[in-house]
Amino acid sequence: MLTSTYTLVALSIEQASARIGLQSLLERWHPRAWQHATPTAREYALACDALRVAFDNCYWRKLDKFVLPALRRAGAAVVLLAELDALTLAAIEARADVHAAAAVQDPGFGAALERCCNLLLERLEREERELFALARIHVPSEAWFAIANQMLAQDAWQNENRSYPVGPVAPGAMGRSATRQAAMASHFAAH
């Protein structure tokens, strides 16, 4: 139970970060600002880049990598997962509309951006409100242990790879990540 609680807290923090990113994007690139101003091509490009980052923060989360597959294996929350997938597909389509509007500097750009962000925010809301509760019930405790272990290993790998300077890799440096991951896995297996 403690492992599932830790994992859900970590996922909630990731959810909050994604939500803050989307809300900041909406505040910075407010849809009504695009209706009355004449944005430059650079402003369209910056807004598209900001959307890409916010979208990636919503799409490449630990929830998607570890928890959703466990729920699918358990055969749980099938309808909810389908609805969340539909929201993701709609957000992908809205993101394509944003890029199409940016390419021709369409005044409807802001509305498309807002639609994409709102779809992603709706998905985040439903995950926290509905999915987390179902995951706590339907994902077996041994799966929570494996999920927590995978999340820690991913965090360690990301932290290690951020610390390397750009340039040639020192001999033996490539194996450090695998060694640390194996040490972490054996530590958690022992405890």
C-alpha atoms as a PDB file:
ATOM      1  CA  MET A   1       0.000   0.000   0.000  1.00  0.00           C
ATOM      2  CA  LEU A   2       2.852   2.371   0.806  1.00  0.00           C
ATOM      3  CA  THR A   3       4.382   1.798  -2.636  1.00  0.00           C
ATOM      4  CA  SER A   4       1.122   2.633  -4.415  1.00  0.00           C
ATOM      5  CA  THR A   5       0.740   5.774  -2.296  1.00  0.00           C
ATOM      6  CA  TYR A   6       4.301   6.893  -3.109  1.00  0.00           C
ATOM      7  CA  THR A   7       3.750   6.218  -6.788  1.00  0.00           C
ATOM      8  CA  LEU A   8       0.432   8.077  -6.910  1.00  0.00           C
ATOM      9  CA  VAL A   9       1.948  11.060  -5.089  1.00  0.00           C
ATOM     10  CA  ALA A  10       4.812  11.145  -7.595  1.00  0.00           C
ATOM     11  CA  LEU A  11       2.307  10.930 -10.440  1.00  0.00           C
ATOM     12  CA  SER A  12       0.226  13.741  -8.893  1.00  0.00           C
ATOM     13  CA  ILE A  13       3.301  15.956  -8.815  1.00  0.00           C
ATOM     14  CA  GLU A  14       3.909  15.194 -12.477  1.00  0.00           C
ATOM     15  CA  GLN A  15       0.226  15.954 -13.211  1.00  0.00           C
ATOM     16  CA  ALA A  16       0.474  19.297 -11.405  1.00  0.00           C
ATOM     17  CA  SER A  17       3.571  20.223 -13.392  1.00  0.00           C
ATOM     18  CA  ALA A  18       1.826  19.414 -16.683  1.00  0.00           C
ATOM     19  CA  ARG A  19      -1.237  21.426 -15.624  1.00  0.00           C
ATOM     20  CA  ILE A  20       0.881  24.439 -14.655  1.00  0.00           C
ATOM     21  CA  GLY A  21       2.627  24.277 -18.031  1.00  0.00           C
ATOM     22  CA  LEU A  22      -0.675  24.316 -19.906  1.00  0.00           C
ATOM     23  CA  GLN A  23      -2.121  27.112 -17.798  1.00  0.00           C
ATOM     24  CA  SER A  24       1.032  29.186 -18.258  1.00  0.00           C
ATOM     25  CA  LEU A  25       0.820  28.617 -21.988  1.00  0.00           C
ATOM     26  CA  LEU A  26      -2.776  29.833 -22.034  1.00  0.00           C
ATOM     27  CA  GLU A  27      -1.877  32.904 -19.975  1.00  0.00           C
ATOM     28  CA  ARG A  28       1.162  33.775 -22.113  1.00  0.00           C
ATOM     29  CA  TRP A  29      -0.498  33.160 -25.461  1.00  0.00           C
ATOM     30  CA  HIS A  30      -4.000  34.212 -24.539  1.00  0.00           C
ATOM     31  CA  PRO A  31      -6.419  33.385 -27.394  1.00  0.00           C
ATOM     32  CA  ARG A  32      -8.020  36.846 -27.522  1.00  0.00           C
ATOM     33  CA  ALA A  33      -4.619  38.442 -28.050  1.00  0.00           C
ATOM     34  CA  TRP A  34      -4.421  36.778 -31.456  1.00  0.00           C
ATOM     35  CA  GLN A  35      -7.700  38.309 -32.614  1.00  0.00           C
ATOM     36  CA  HIS A  36      -6.799  41.999 -32.247  1.00  0.00           C
ATOM     37  CA  ALA A  37      -3.043  42.054 -32.795  1.00  0.00           C
ATOM     38  CA  THR A  38      -0.921  41.234 -35.787  1.00  0.00           C
ATOM     39  CA  PRO A  39       1.516  38.650 -34.467  1.00  0.00           C
ATOM     40  CA  THR A  40       4.819  38.136 -36.214  1.00  0.00           C
ATOM     41  CA  ALA A  41       5.944  34.843 -37.696  1.00  0.00           C
ATOM     42  CA  ARG A  42       8.365  34.572 -34.760  1.00  0.00           C
ATOM     43  CA  GLU A  43       5.494  34.885 -32.253  1.00  0.00           C
ATOM     44  CA  TYR A  44       3.614  32.103 -34.017  1.00  0.00           C
ATOM     45  CA  ALA A  45       6.754  29.954 -33.931  1.00  0.00           C
ATOM     46  CA  LEU A  46       7.332  30.675 -30.230  1.00  0.00           C
ATOM     47  CA  ALA A  47       3.732  29.793 -29.390  1.00  0.00           C
ATOM     48  CA  CYS A  48       4.003  26.537 -31.365  1.00  0.00           C
ATOM     49  CA  ASP A  49       7.235  25.677 -29.553  1.00  0.00           C
ATOM     50  CA  ALA A  50       5.603  26.391 -26.196  1.00  0.00           C
ATOM     51  CA  LEU A  51       2.674  24.167 -27.171  1.00  0.00           C
ATOM     52  CA  ARG A  52       5.063  21.398 -28.201  1.00  0.00           C
ATOM     53  CA  VAL A  53       6.758  21.482 -24.804  1.00  0.00           C
ATOM     54  CA  ALA A  54       3.433  21.550 -22.922  1.00  0.00           C
ATOM     55  CA  PHE A  55       2.041  18.755 -25.109  1.00  0.00           C
ATOM     56  CA  ASP A  56       5.135  16.606 -24.559  1.00  0.00           C
ATOM     57  CA  ASN A  57       4.878  17.174 -20.802  1.00  0.00           C
ATOM     58  CA  CYS A  58       1.328  15.820 -20.965  1.00  0.00           C
ATOM     59  CA  TYR A  59       2.034  12.982 -23.339  1.00  0.00           C
ATOM     60  CA  TRP A  60       5.345  11.508 -22.154  1.00  0.00           C
ATOM     61  CA  ARG A  61       4.469  11.080 -18.493  1.00  0.00           C
ATOM     62  CA  LYS A  62       5.180   8.195 -16.160  1.00  0.00           C
ATOM     63  CA  LEU A  63       1.447   7.608 -15.954  1.00  0.00           C
ATOM     64  CA  ASP A  64       1.368   6.786 -19.671  1.00  0.00           C
ATOM     65  CA  LYS A  65       4.518   4.675 -19.534  1.00  0.00           C
ATOM     66  CA  PHE A  66       3.841   2.615 -16.424  1.00  0.00           C
ATOM     67  CA  VAL A  67       0.349   2.888 -14.917  1.00  0.00           C
ATOM     68  CA  LEU A  68      -1.842   2.785 -18.024  1.00  0.00           C
ATOM     69  CA  PRO A  69      -0.195  -0.426 -19.299  1.00  0.00           C
ATOM     70  CA  ALA A  70      -0.726  -2.015 -15.861  1.00  0.00           C
ATOM     71  CA  LEU A  71      -4.405  -1.062 -15.966  1.00  0.00           C
ATOM     72  CA  ARG A  72      -4.731  -2.442 -19.486  1.00  0.00           C
ATOM     73  CA  ARG A  73      -3.095  -5.728 -18.403  1.00  0.00           C
ATOM     74  CA  ALA A  74      -5.532  -5.909 -15.491  1.00  0.00           C
ATOM     75  CA  GLY A  75      -8.424  -5.380 -17.916  1.00  0.00           C
ATOM     76  CA  ALA A  76      -9.690  -2.532 -15.744  1.00  0.00           C
ATOM     77  CA  ALA A  77     -11.165   0.867 -16.603  1.00  0.00           C
ATOM     78  CA  VAL A  78     -11.599  -0.060 -20.256  1.00  0.00           C
ATOM     79  CA  VAL A  79     -14.240   2.604 -20.940  1.00  0.00           C
ATOM     80  CA  LEU A  80     -12.331   5.328 -19.108  1.00  0.00           C
ATOM     81  CA  LEU A  81      -9.089   4.452 -20.903  1.00  0.00           C
ATOM     82  CA  ALA A  82     -10.903   4.633 -24.251  1.00  0.00           C
ATOM     83  CA  GLU A  83     -12.306   8.055 -23.315  1.00  0.00           C
ATOM     84  CA  LEU A  84      -8.851   9.281 -22.284  1.00  0.00           C
ATOM     85  CA  ASP A  85      -7.425   7.980 -25.563  1.00  0.00           C
ATOM     86  CA  ALA A  86     -10.170   9.869 -27.428  1.00  0.00           C
ATOM     87  CA  LEU A  87      -9.211  13.075 -25.597  1.00  0.00           C
ATOM     88  CA  THR A  88      -5.586  12.532 -26.579  1.00  0.00           C
ATOM     89  CA  LEU A  89      -6.514  12.001 -30.231  1.00  0.00           C
ATOM     90  CA  ALA A  90      -8.665  15.140 -30.191  1.00  0.00           C
ATOM     91  CA  ALA A  91      -5.737  17.071 -28.668  1.00  0.00           C
ATOM     92  CA  ILE A  92      -3.436  15.748 -31.394  1.00  0.00           C
ATOM     93  CA  GLU A  93      -5.904  16.941 -34.034  1.00  0.00           C
ATOM     94  CA  ALA A  94      -6.203  20.324 -32.299  1.00  0.00           C
ATOM     95  CA  ARG A  95      -2.416  20.589 -32.219  1.00  0.00           C
ATOM     96  CA  ALA A  96      -2.336  19.961 -35.968  1.00  0.00           C
ATOM     97  CA  ASP A  97      -4.919  22.761 -36.360  1.00  0.00           C
ATOM     98  CA  VAL A  98      -2.653  25.055 -34.325  1.00  0.00           C
ATOM     99  CA  HIS A  99       0.286  24.367 -36.623  1.00  0.00           C
ATOM    100  CA  ALA A 100      -1.862  24.783 -39.742  1.00  0.00           C
ATOM    101  CA  ALA A 101      -3.173  28.124 -38.445  1.00  0.00           C
ATOM    102  CA  ALA A 102       0.359  29.244 -37.593  1.00  0.00           C
ATOM    103  CA  ALA A 103       1.597  28.377 -41.083  1.00  0.00           C
ATOM    104  CA  VAL A 104      -0.866  30.809 -42.674  1.00  0.00           C
ATOM    105  CA  GLN A 105      -1.000  33.205 -39.691  1.00  0.00           C
ATOM    106  CA  ASP A 106      -4.720  32.592 -39.303  1.00  0.00           C
ATOM    107  CA  PRO A 107      -6.480  34.689 -36.616  1.00  0.00           C
ATOM    108  CA  GLY A 108      -8.144  31.441 -35.474  1.00  0.00           C
ATOM    109  CA  PHE A 109      -4.759  30.353 -34.135  1.00  0.00           C
ATOM    110  CA  GLY A 110      -5.594  31.403 -30.579  1.00  0.00           C
ATOM    111  CA  ALA A 111      -8.862  29.465 -30.523  1.00  0.00           C
ATOM    112  CA  ALA A 112      -7.100  26.342 -31.832  1.00  0.00           C
ATOM    113  CA  LEU A 113      -4.394  26.731 -29.193  1.00  0.00           C
ATOM    114  CA  GLU A 114      -6.997  27.138 -26.469  1.00  0.00           C
ATOM    115  CA  ARG A 115      -8.912  24.069 -27.682  1.00  0.00           C
ATOM    116  CA  CYS A 116      -5.775  21.922 -27.608  1.00  0.00           C
ATOM    117  CA  CYS A 117      -4.843  23.078 -24.102  1.00  0.00           C
ATOM    118  CA  ASN A 118      -8.383  22.591 -22.808  1.00  0.00           C
ATOM    119  CA  LEU A 119      -8.501  19.032 -24.146  1.00  0.00           C
ATOM    120  CA  LEU A 120      -5.227  18.225 -22.403  1.00  0.00           C
ATOM    121  CA  LEU A 121      -6.417  19.882 -19.192  1.00  0.00           C
ATOM    122  CA  GLU A 122      -9.628  17.835 -19.344  1.00  0.00           C
ATOM    123  CA  ARG A 123      -7.603  14.655 -19.692  1.00  0.00           C
ATOM    124  CA  LEU A 124      -5.423  15.578 -16.701  1.00  0.00           C
ATOM    125  CA  GLU A 125      -8.527  16.350 -14.639  1.00  0.00           C
ATOM    126  CA  ARG A 126     -10.185  13.035 -15.470  1.00  0.00           C
ATOM    127  CA  GLU A 127      -7.003  11.120 -14.732  1.00  0.00           C
ATOM    128  CA  GLU A 128      -6.741  12.637 -11.273  1.00  0.00           C
ATOM    129  CA  ARG A 129     -10.442  12.450 -10.485  1.00  0.00           C
ATOM    130  CA  GLU A 130     -11.242   9.015 -11.926  1.00  0.00           C
ATOM    131  CA  LEU A 131      -8.179   7.098 -13.069  1.00  0.00           C
ATOM    132  CA  PHE A 132      -6.072   7.311  -9.923  1.00  0.00           C
ATOM    133  CA  ALA A 133      -8.899   5.871  -7.818  1.00  0.00           C
ATOM    134  CA  LEU A 134      -9.407   2.986 -10.252  1.00  0.00           C
ATOM    135  CA  ALA A 135      -5.674   2.327 -10.457  1.00  0.00           C
ATOM    136  CA  ARG A 136      -5.425   2.086  -6.678  1.00  0.00           C
ATOM    137  CA  ILE A 137      -8.128  -0.594  -6.713  1.00  0.00           C
ATOM    138  CA  HIS A 138      -7.257  -2.595  -9.839  1.00  0.00           C
ATOM    139  CA  VAL A 139      -3.457  -2.556 -10.058  1.00  0.00           C
ATOM    140  CA  PRO A 140      -2.029  -5.372  -7.906  1.00  0.00           C
ATOM    141  CA  SER A 141       0.458  -4.475  -5.159  1.00  0.00           C
ATOM    142  CA  GLU A 142       3.358  -6.297  -6.859  1.00  0.00           C
ATOM    143  CA  ALA A 143       2.696  -4.210  -9.968  1.00  0.00           C
ATOM    144  CA  TRP A 144       2.920  -1.012  -7.873  1.00  0.00           C
ATOM    145  CA  PHE A 145       6.318  -2.166  -6.654  1.00  0.00           C
ATOM    146  CA  ALA A 146       7.492  -2.718 -10.236  1.00  0.00           C
ATOM    147  CA  ILE A 147       6.061   0.659 -11.330  1.00  0.00           C
ATOM    148  CA  ALA A 148       7.810   2.503  -8.495  1.00  0.00           C
ATOM    149  CA  ASN A 149      11.052   0.719  -9.321  1.00  0.00           C
ATOM    150  CA  GLN A 150      10.760   1.665 -13.008  1.00  0.00           C
ATOM    151  CA  MET A 151       9.976   5.278 -12.125  1.00  0.00           C
ATOM    152  CA  LEU A 152      13.023   5.522  -9.861  1.00  0.00           C
ATOM    153  CA  ALA A 153      15.240   3.943 -12.507  1.00  0.00           C
ATOM    154  CA  GLN A 154      13.939   6.380 -15.131  1.00  0.00           C
ATOM    155  CA  ASP A 155      14.544   9.354 -12.828  1.00  0.00           C
ATOM    156  CA  ALA A 156      18.086   8.150 -12.110  1.00  0.00           C
ATOM    157  CA  TRP A 157      18.786   7.687 -15.808  1.00  0.00           C
ATOM    158  CA  GLN A 158      17.417  11.154 -16.656  1.00  0.00           C
ATOM    159  CA  ASN A 159      19.388  12.811 -13.862  1.00  0.00           C
ATOM    160  CA  GLU A 160      22.578  11.059 -14.872  1.00  0.00           C
ATOM    161  CA  ASN A 161      22.191  11.934 -18.542  1.00  0.00           C
ATOM    162  CA  ARG A 162      21.510  15.598 -17.749  1.00  0.00           C
ATOM    163  CA  SER A 163      24.768  15.864 -15.842  1.00  0.00           C
ATOM    164  CA  TYR A 164      27.009  14.873 -18.756  1.00  0.00           C
ATOM    165  CA  PRO A 165      28.629  17.741 -20.616  1.00  0.00           C
ATOM    166  CA  VAL A 166      28.127  17.941 -24.350  1.00  0.00           C
ATOM    167  CA  GLY A 167      30.982  16.310 -26.216  1.00  0.00           C
ATOM    168  CA  PRO A 168      32.716  12.969 -26.361  1.00  0.00           C
ATOM    169  CA  VAL A 169      31.718  10.393 -23.775  1.00  0.00           C
ATOM    170  CA  ALA A 170      34.454   9.257 -21.421  1.00  0.00           C
ATOM    171  CA  PRO A 171      35.408   5.579 -21.713  1.00  0.00           C
ATOM    172  CA  GLY A 172      33.190   3.480 -19.445  1.00  0.00           C
ATOM    173  CA  ALA A 173      30.660   6.284 -18.902  1.00  0.00           C
ATOM    174  CA  MET A 174      27.952   4.555 -20.919  1.00  0.00           C
ATOM    175  CA  GLY A 175      27.787   1.693 -18.441  1.00  0.00           C
ATOM    176  CA  ARG A 176      27.308   3.859 -15.350  1.00  0.00           C
ATOM    177  CA  SER A 177      23.575   4.255 -15.868  1.00  0.00           C
ATOM    178  CA  ALA A 178      23.011   0.525 -16.221  1.00  0.00           C
ATOM    179  CA  THR A 179      25.150  -0.121 -13.133  1.00  0.00           C
ATOM    180  CA  ARG A 180      23.203   2.391 -11.029  1.00  0.00           C
ATOM    181  CA  GLN A 181      19.869   1.021 -12.250  1.00  0.00           C
ATOM    182  CA  ALA A 182      20.924  -2.516 -11.327  1.00  0.00           C
ATOM    183  CA  ALA A 183      22.059  -1.317  -7.896  1.00  0.00           C
ATOM    184  CA  MET A 184      18.746   0.475  -7.327  1.00  0.00           C
ATOM    185  CA  ALA A 185      16.774  -2.589  -8.419  1.00  0.00           C
ATOM    186  CA  SER A 186      18.691  -4.867  -6.053  1.00  0.00           C
ATOM    187  CA  HIS A 187      18.289  -2.345  -3.222  1.00  0.00           C
ATOM    188  CA  PHE A 188      14.517  -2.278  -3.638  1.00  0.00           C
ATOM    189  CA  ALA A 189      14.337  -6.030  -4.046  1.00  0.00           C
ATOM    190  CA  ALA A 190      16.135  -6.420  -0.703  1.00  0.00           C
ATOM    191  CA  HIS A 191      13.821  -4.009   1.094  1.00  0.00           C
END
